[in-house]
Amino acid sequence: MSSKREMDHRAKETPPLPSLINPQKTWCLDYYALRSFEYKWKSNWVRCFENGRRLELSRINGDLDDIGIIGRKSSYWSKKHENGGWDAIIVVDEPVRNILVGGPDEQYEKVSVQSRPYQGGYRNFIDDTDGQTRPQGCLFTEIIYYCEHYSSMLEIGDDPLVTTIFLQKIVASHYMTLIKYVKSLLNHLSFRLSQRTKLGDLNTDWVEHGWSDLMVWNWRCNKYCQRVEAIMTSLGIDEDSRPLSTDNMSSCAKDFIGIHRHLVTLRQRSETLASDFNGVATIVLNREALREANRSLQEARSVRVLTLLGMLFLSLSFVSSLLSMAKDYLPGAEK
């Protein structure tokens, strides 16, 4: 099996030069899919076997949640011909069937797992009136499903970019599911802090776990914001501009602008929770320091009493030893 360092070096996450970005010709979208795994996690060092990307796990009340946040990619390339025709290619990740599980200093082990979409999958962005069952789990089959049933909603012309509308909508819908999950986790962490009426039963282990969880979510929210910003740059979306079209199926600019604002709000909330937790951690650590100081003072008092008793009994022992000497060894005697 490959080591973690080797997997990281194979990731190939280097972004292109801004001057090379052409939304009309090619781009790559990073997004996240949430899956519920039927597996008892023993470590949060998990990767997808198919592509080597991280599978992020969350800790709830000290235990790893069964919901995994899987990093996904989808790419688009197109070419126009002189006769007015065009070619377009969409490349997507295959479903997760196997994972690699390891530890901080261990190599990965391949494990086959079963999973299902988190809470039934993302919300459909088209009103279903034909009663069709929407596929979940494989982006390729999802795109085919929308093309087969809703291609009439698209205005197919000389621009191949129109073929990616369904793909962009699916990616945006995955981000909305991610926002819902992150919001629920932050609500849980906030509830744990707000419902503490007494801090006397808290210890340093609780502080360390809580601090670690908040730092993880702060880092993740910042990463999610960067991913959406990269998507907006790739698609040529300017957050400060108002989308010209109000048609739901003609552009995804409004979707990603709203998603970015949601993620920025979640990032700010995670930073606020971290600041609030700093206050609680300071109280707990100060209480622990006070306990240690009281314990040291009690030990000092015990040593003081022991010293006084030692001084008293040492004097009595010296006098008794002196008086118990034989006559020849008494002070002033010959010996």
Protein backbone atom coordinates (compact mmCIF):
# COMPACT_ATOMS: atom_id res chain seq x y z
CA MET A 1 0.00 0.00 0.00
CA SER A 2 1.06 3.56 -0.60
CA SER A 3 2.07 5.77 2.29
CA LYS A 4 0.24 8.99 3.14
CA ARG A 5 3.11 11.12 1.93
CA GLU A 6 3.09 9.39 -1.45
CA MET A 7 -0.68 9.87 -1.74
CA ASP A 8 -0.35 13.58 -0.95
CA HIS A 9 2.31 14.04 -3.61
CA ARG A 10 0.05 12.43 -6.23
CA ALA A 11 -2.86 14.77 -5.53
CA LYS A 12 -1.90 17.28 -8.27
CA GLU A 13 -3.85 20.17 -6.76
CA THR A 14 -1.75 22.95 -8.32
CA PRO A 15 -4.13 25.58 -9.81
CA PRO A 16 -3.55 26.96 -13.32
CA LEU A 17 -2.31 30.44 -14.07
CA PRO A 18 -5.14 33.03 -14.05
CA SER A 19 -4.24 33.99 -17.60
CA LEU A 20 -4.94 30.41 -18.75
CA ILE A 21 -8.49 30.31 -17.35
CA ASN A 22 -11.09 30.24 -20.13
CA PRO A 23 -14.64 29.50 -18.85
CA GLN A 24 -15.88 28.95 -22.41
CA LYS A 25 -13.35 26.24 -23.17
CA THR A 26 -12.30 24.30 -20.09
CA TRP A 27 -12.58 24.24 -16.30
CA CYS A 28 -12.53 21.93 -13.29
CA LEU A 29 -14.96 22.04 -10.35
CA ASP A 30 -14.10 20.78 -6.86
CA TYR A 31 -17.08 19.86 -4.70
CA TYR A 32 -18.03 17.57 -1.82
CA ALA A 33 -20.51 14.70 -1.60
CA LEU A 34 -21.88 13.53 1.74
CA ARG A 35 -22.34 9.80 2.26
CA SER A 36 -23.55 7.75 5.21
CA PHE A 37 -21.22 4.76 5.64
CA GLU A 38 -22.09 1.43 7.20
CA TYR A 39 -18.67 1.15 8.81
CA LYS A 40 -17.33 1.54 12.34
CA TRP A 41 -14.57 4.11 12.03
CA LYS A 42 -11.43 3.49 14.08
CA SER A 43 -9.40 6.31 12.57
CA ASN A 44 -10.05 9.53 10.70
CA TRP A 45 -7.15 8.86 8.33
CA VAL A 46 -9.33 7.77 5.40
CA ARG A 47 -9.01 8.18 1.63
CA CYS A 48 -10.97 7.05 -1.42
CA PHE A 49 -9.34 4.07 -3.07
CA GLU A 50 -10.41 5.09 -6.57
CA ASN A 51 -8.73 8.52 -6.62
CA GLY A 52 -6.77 8.88 -3.36
CA ARG A 53 -8.69 11.95 -2.12
CA ARG A 54 -9.38 12.52 1.55
CA LEU A 55 -12.61 11.38 3.14
CA GLU A 56 -13.30 13.82 5.96
CA LEU A 57 -14.95 12.58 9.14
CA SER A 58 -16.48 14.61 11.96
CA ARG A 59 -16.39 13.96 15.69
CA ILE A 60 -19.61 14.23 17.70
CA ASN A 61 -19.39 13.90 21.49
CA GLY A 62 -16.01 12.23 21.18
CA ASP A 63 -17.07 9.63 18.56
CA LEU A 64 -16.57 9.71 14.80
CA ASP A 65 -19.78 10.33 12.87
CA ASP A 66 -20.84 7.84 10.19
CA ILE A 67 -21.22 10.70 7.69
CA GLY A 68 -18.23 11.14 5.42
CA ILE A 69 -17.44 14.27 3.40
CA ILE A 70 -15.87 13.09 0.15
CA GLY A 71 -13.87 15.40 -2.10
CA ARG A 72 -15.03 15.15 -5.72
CA LYS A 73 -13.96 16.64 -9.06
CA SER A 74 -15.65 17.23 -12.40
CA SER A 75 -13.93 18.62 -15.50
CA TYR A 76 -15.11 20.07 -18.78
CA TRP A 77 -13.36 20.57 -22.12
CA SER A 78 -14.78 21.78 -25.43
CA LYS A 79 -13.65 22.62 -28.94
CA LYS A 80 -15.49 24.46 -31.70
CA HIS A 81 -15.14 23.54 -35.38
CA GLU A 82 -15.07 25.85 -38.37
CA ASN A 83 -18.30 24.38 -39.75
CA GLY A 84 -20.21 25.50 -36.66
CA GLY A 85 -20.12 22.19 -34.84
CA TRP A 86 -18.43 21.48 -31.54
CA ASP A 87 -17.14 18.69 -29.33
CA ALA A 88 -17.48 18.61 -25.54
CA ILE A 89 -16.11 16.22 -22.91
CA ILE A 90 -17.21 15.98 -19.29
CA VAL A 91 -15.07 13.93 -16.91
CA VAL A 92 -16.42 12.96 -13.47
CA ASP A 93 -15.31 10.82 -10.53
CA GLU A 94 -16.63 7.31 -10.19
CA PRO A 95 -18.63 6.31 -7.09
CA VAL A 96 -16.82 5.37 -3.89
CA ARG A 97 -16.78 1.61 -3.44
CA ASN A 98 -13.54 1.09 -1.54
CA ILE A 99 -11.65 3.18 0.98
CA LEU A 100 -8.15 3.26 2.38
CA VAL A 101 -7.96 3.32 6.19
CA GLY A 102 -4.80 3.93 8.19
CA GLY A 103 -3.32 5.74 11.15
CA PRO A 104 -0.88 8.62 11.78
CA ASP A 105 2.18 6.35 11.40
CA GLU A 106 0.68 3.47 9.45
CA GLN A 107 0.16 2.58 5.82
CA TYR A 108 -3.30 2.47 4.30
CA GLU A 109 -5.41 -0.68 4.20
CA LYS A 110 -8.04 -1.24 1.51
CA VAL A 111 -11.58 -1.78 2.83
CA SER A 112 -14.80 -2.36 0.87
CA VAL A 113 -17.71 -0.31 2.24
CA GLN A 114 -21.40 0.31 1.64
CA SER A 115 -22.78 3.84 1.69
CA ARG A 116 -25.89 5.83 0.87
CA PRO A 117 -26.52 9.53 0.22
CA TYR A 118 -26.79 11.74 3.29
CA GLN A 119 -30.49 12.28 4.09
CA GLY A 120 -31.53 10.89 0.72
CA GLY A 121 -29.21 13.10 -1.32
CA TYR A 122 -29.32 16.68 -2.50
CA ARG A 123 -32.59 18.45 -3.13
CA ASN A 124 -33.80 18.26 -6.72
CA PHE A 125 -33.35 21.56 -8.54
CA ILE A 126 -36.17 20.72 -10.99
CA ASP A 127 -39.81 20.23 -10.03
CA ASP A 128 -40.48 16.56 -10.64
CA THR A 129 -43.88 16.16 -12.24
CA ASP A 130 -43.36 12.91 -14.13
CA GLY A 131 -42.77 10.74 -11.10
CA GLN A 132 -39.33 9.60 -12.25
CA THR A 133 -36.92 8.23 -9.65
CA ARG A 134 -33.78 10.32 -9.62
CA PRO A 135 -30.51 8.30 -9.38
CA GLN A 136 -28.11 9.05 -6.54
CA GLY A 137 -24.45 8.31 -5.96
CA CYS A 138 -22.97 8.40 -9.46
CA LEU A 139 -22.59 11.82 -11.07
CA PHE A 140 -22.36 10.29 -14.54
CA THR A 141 -25.77 8.57 -14.30
CA GLU A 142 -27.27 11.70 -12.73
CA ILE A 143 -26.19 13.86 -15.68
CA ILE A 144 -27.59 11.28 -18.12
CA TYR A 145 -30.87 11.23 -16.20
CA TYR A 146 -31.32 15.00 -16.43
CA CYS A 147 -30.31 15.07 -20.09
CA GLU A 148 -32.81 12.35 -20.95
CA HIS A 149 -35.75 13.85 -19.05
CA TYR A 150 -35.13 17.61 -19.05
CA SER A 151 -33.01 18.43 -22.10
CA SER A 152 -35.98 20.39 -23.48
CA MET A 153 -35.33 23.01 -20.80
CA LEU A 154 -31.98 23.86 -22.42
CA GLU A 155 -31.47 26.03 -25.48
CA ILE A 156 -29.00 23.98 -27.49
CA GLY A 157 -27.09 26.23 -29.88
CA ASP A 158 -23.56 26.87 -31.04
CA ASP A 159 -22.22 27.14 -27.47
CA PRO A 160 -21.17 23.76 -26.01
CA LEU A 161 -21.14 25.26 -22.50
CA VAL A 162 -24.90 24.70 -22.31
CA THR A 163 -24.21 20.99 -21.89
CA THR A 164 -22.72 21.68 -18.45
CA ILE A 165 -25.76 23.37 -16.89
CA PHE A 166 -26.98 20.16 -15.28
CA LEU A 167 -23.47 19.41 -14.03
CA GLN A 168 -23.15 22.88 -12.47
CA LYS A 169 -26.58 22.57 -10.85
CA ILE A 170 -25.68 19.19 -9.33
CA VAL A 171 -22.41 20.57 -7.94
CA ALA A 172 -24.24 23.57 -6.48
CA SER A 173 -26.85 21.25 -4.94
CA HIS A 174 -24.10 19.19 -3.29
CA TYR A 175 -22.74 22.37 -1.75
CA MET A 176 -26.19 23.22 -0.35
CA THR A 177 -26.28 19.78 1.31
CA LEU A 178 -22.81 20.43 2.71
CA ILE A 179 -23.94 23.80 4.08
CA LYS A 180 -26.85 22.11 5.85
CA TYR A 181 -24.56 19.51 7.43
CA VAL A 182 -21.95 22.05 8.55
CA LYS A 183 -24.67 24.26 10.02
CA SER A 184 -26.06 21.33 12.04
CA LEU A 185 -22.59 20.47 13.41
CA LEU A 186 -21.89 24.08 14.39
CA ASN A 187 -25.32 24.22 16.07
CA HIS A 188 -24.37 21.13 18.06
CA LEU A 189 -21.06 22.63 19.17
CA SER A 190 -22.81 25.88 20.09
CA PHE A 191 -25.42 23.96 22.09
CA ARG A 192 -22.70 22.16 24.04
CA LEU A 193 -21.24 25.52 25.07
CA SER A 194 -24.51 27.31 25.81
CA GLN A 195 -25.98 24.54 28.00
CA ARG A 196 -23.08 24.48 30.43
CA THR A 197 -24.39 26.00 33.66
CA LYS A 198 -21.50 24.65 35.76
CA LEU A 199 -17.93 24.43 34.62
CA GLY A 200 -16.63 22.59 37.66
CA ASP A 201 -17.06 19.17 36.03
CA LEU A 202 -15.04 20.11 32.93
CA ASN A 203 -11.42 19.05 32.56
CA THR A 204 -8.54 19.55 30.18
CA ASP A 205 -9.57 16.53 28.04
CA TRP A 206 -12.92 18.19 27.29
CA VAL A 207 -11.11 21.41 26.43
CA GLU A 208 -8.69 19.65 24.10
CA HIS A 209 -11.44 17.76 22.25
CA GLY A 210 -13.64 20.82 21.91
CA TRP A 211 -10.78 22.99 20.73
CA SER A 212 -9.71 20.38 18.19
CA ASP A 213 -13.26 20.08 16.78
CA LEU A 214 -13.63 23.84 16.42
CA MET A 215 -10.25 24.23 14.75
CA VAL A 216 -11.14 21.48 12.29
CA TRP A 217 -14.40 23.17 11.32
CA ASN A 218 -12.75 26.56 11.12
CA TRP A 219 -10.19 25.13 8.73
CA ARG A 220 -12.84 23.28 6.71
CA CYS A 221 -15.11 26.32 6.34
CA ASN A 222 -12.16 28.32 5.10
CA LYS A 223 -11.31 25.56 2.63
CA TYR A 224 -14.89 25.30 1.39
CA CYS A 225 -14.94 29.07 0.77
CA GLN A 226 -11.75 28.80 -1.24
CA ARG A 227 -13.17 25.93 -3.30
CA VAL A 228 -16.30 27.91 -4.20
CA GLU A 229 -14.20 30.99 -4.99
CA ALA A 230 -12.13 28.83 -7.34
CA ILE A 231 -15.33 27.59 -9.01
CA MET A 232 -16.58 31.14 -9.48
CA THR A 233 -13.23 32.11 -11.01
CA SER A 234 -13.28 29.09 -13.34
CA LEU A 235 -16.83 29.86 -14.49
CA GLY A 236 -16.19 33.59 -14.82
CA ILE A 237 -18.65 34.53 -12.06
CA ASP A 238 -18.13 37.91 -10.39
CA GLU A 239 -19.66 38.10 -6.92
CA ASP A 240 -20.07 41.87 -7.11
CA SER A 241 -22.07 41.72 -10.34
CA ARG A 242 -25.77 40.96 -10.51
CA PRO A 243 -26.66 38.00 -12.78
CA LEU A 244 -28.38 39.33 -15.89
CA SER A 245 -30.62 36.34 -16.49
CA THR A 246 -33.37 35.27 -14.10
CA ASP A 247 -33.89 31.95 -15.86
CA ASN A 248 -33.11 29.10 -13.48
CA MET A 249 -31.63 26.87 -16.19
CA SER A 250 -29.59 29.39 -18.14
CA SER A 251 -26.91 30.18 -15.54
CA CYS A 252 -25.61 29.06 -12.15
CA ALA A 253 -24.06 32.42 -11.19
CA LYS A 254 -26.81 33.20 -8.69
CA ASP A 255 -26.44 29.75 -7.11
CA PHE A 256 -22.70 29.94 -6.48
CA ILE A 257 -22.87 33.56 -5.29
CA GLY A 258 -25.45 32.51 -2.69
CA ILE A 259 -23.44 29.43 -1.73
CA HIS A 260 -20.32 31.52 -1.20
CA ARG A 261 -22.20 33.92 1.07
CA HIS A 262 -23.57 31.01 3.11
CA LEU A 263 -20.09 29.55 3.54
CA VAL A 264 -18.61 32.92 4.53
CA THR A 265 -21.33 33.19 7.20
CA LEU A 266 -20.50 29.69 8.48
CA ARG A 267 -16.80 30.54 8.54
CA GLN A 268 -17.50 33.67 10.60
CA ARG A 269 -19.67 31.64 12.94
CA SER A 270 -16.95 29.04 13.45
CA GLU A 271 -14.50 31.83 14.26
CA THR A 272 -16.97 33.28 16.79
CA LEU A 273 -17.44 29.87 18.40
CA ALA A 274 -13.68 29.44 18.61
CA SER A 275 -13.40 32.83 20.32
CA ASP A 276 -16.18 31.89 22.77
CA PHE A 277 -14.51 28.58 23.45
CA ASN A 278 -11.28 30.38 24.27
CA GLY A 279 -13.08 32.03 27.18
CA VAL A 280 -14.43 28.71 28.45
CA ALA A 281 -11.02 27.07 28.02
CA THR A 282 -9.38 29.90 29.98
CA ILE A 283 -11.84 29.41 32.86
CA VAL A 284 -11.29 25.64 32.89
CA LEU A 285 -7.49 25.93 32.72
CA ASN A 286 -7.46 28.60 35.44
CA ARG A 287 -9.59 26.32 37.61
CA GLU A 288 -7.15 23.47 37.00
CA ALA A 289 -4.23 25.76 37.89
CA LEU A 290 -6.04 26.81 41.09
CA ARG A 291 -6.57 23.17 42.02
CA GLU A 292 -2.90 22.44 41.47
CA ALA A 293 -1.93 25.48 43.55
CA ASN A 294 -4.22 24.37 46.39
CA ARG A 295 -2.82 20.87 46.18
CA SER A 296 0.74 22.21 46.33
CA LEU A 297 -0.18 24.42 49.31
CA GLN A 298 -1.70 21.45 51.11
CA GLU A 299 1.42 19.41 50.47
CA ALA A 300 3.57 22.28 51.79
CA ARG A 301 1.50 22.40 54.95
CA SER A 302 1.86 18.66 55.38
CA VAL A 303 5.63 18.93 55.00
CA ARG A 304 5.70 21.77 57.55
CA VAL A 305 3.87 19.67 60.14
CA LEU A 306 6.14 16.73 59.40
CA THR A 307 9.19 18.96 59.84
CA LEU A 308 7.96 20.26 63.21
CA LEU A 309 7.26 16.74 64.41
CA GLY A 310 10.68 15.65 63.21
CA MET A 311 12.35 18.48 65.07
CA LEU A 312 10.44 17.63 68.25
CA PHE A 313 11.13 13.91 68.19
CA LEU A 314 14.73 14.43 67.12
CA SER A 315 15.39 16.54 70.23
CA LEU A 316 13.72 13.98 72.50
CA SER A 317 15.63 11.19 70.82
CA PHE A 318 18.91 13.05 71.30
CA VAL A 319 18.22 13.70 74.99
CA SER A 320 17.12 10.12 75.62
CA SER A 321 20.19 8.79 73.85
CA LEU A 322 22.43 11.12 75.83
CA LEU A 323 20.90 10.16 79.15
CA SER A 324 20.99 6.46 78.35
CA MET A 325 24.78 6.40 77.91
CA ALA A 326 26.90 4.34 80.27
CA LYS A 327 28.61 6.12 83.15
CA ASP A 328 32.02 6.04 81.48
CA TYR A 329 30.66 7.75 78.35
CA LEU A 330 28.77 10.59 79.99
CA PRO A 331 29.89 14.14 79.26
CA GLY A 332 32.99 14.90 81.36
CA ALA A 333 33.87 11.24 81.86
CA GLU A 334 37.20 9.75 80.87
CA LYS A 335 35.89 8.18 77.67
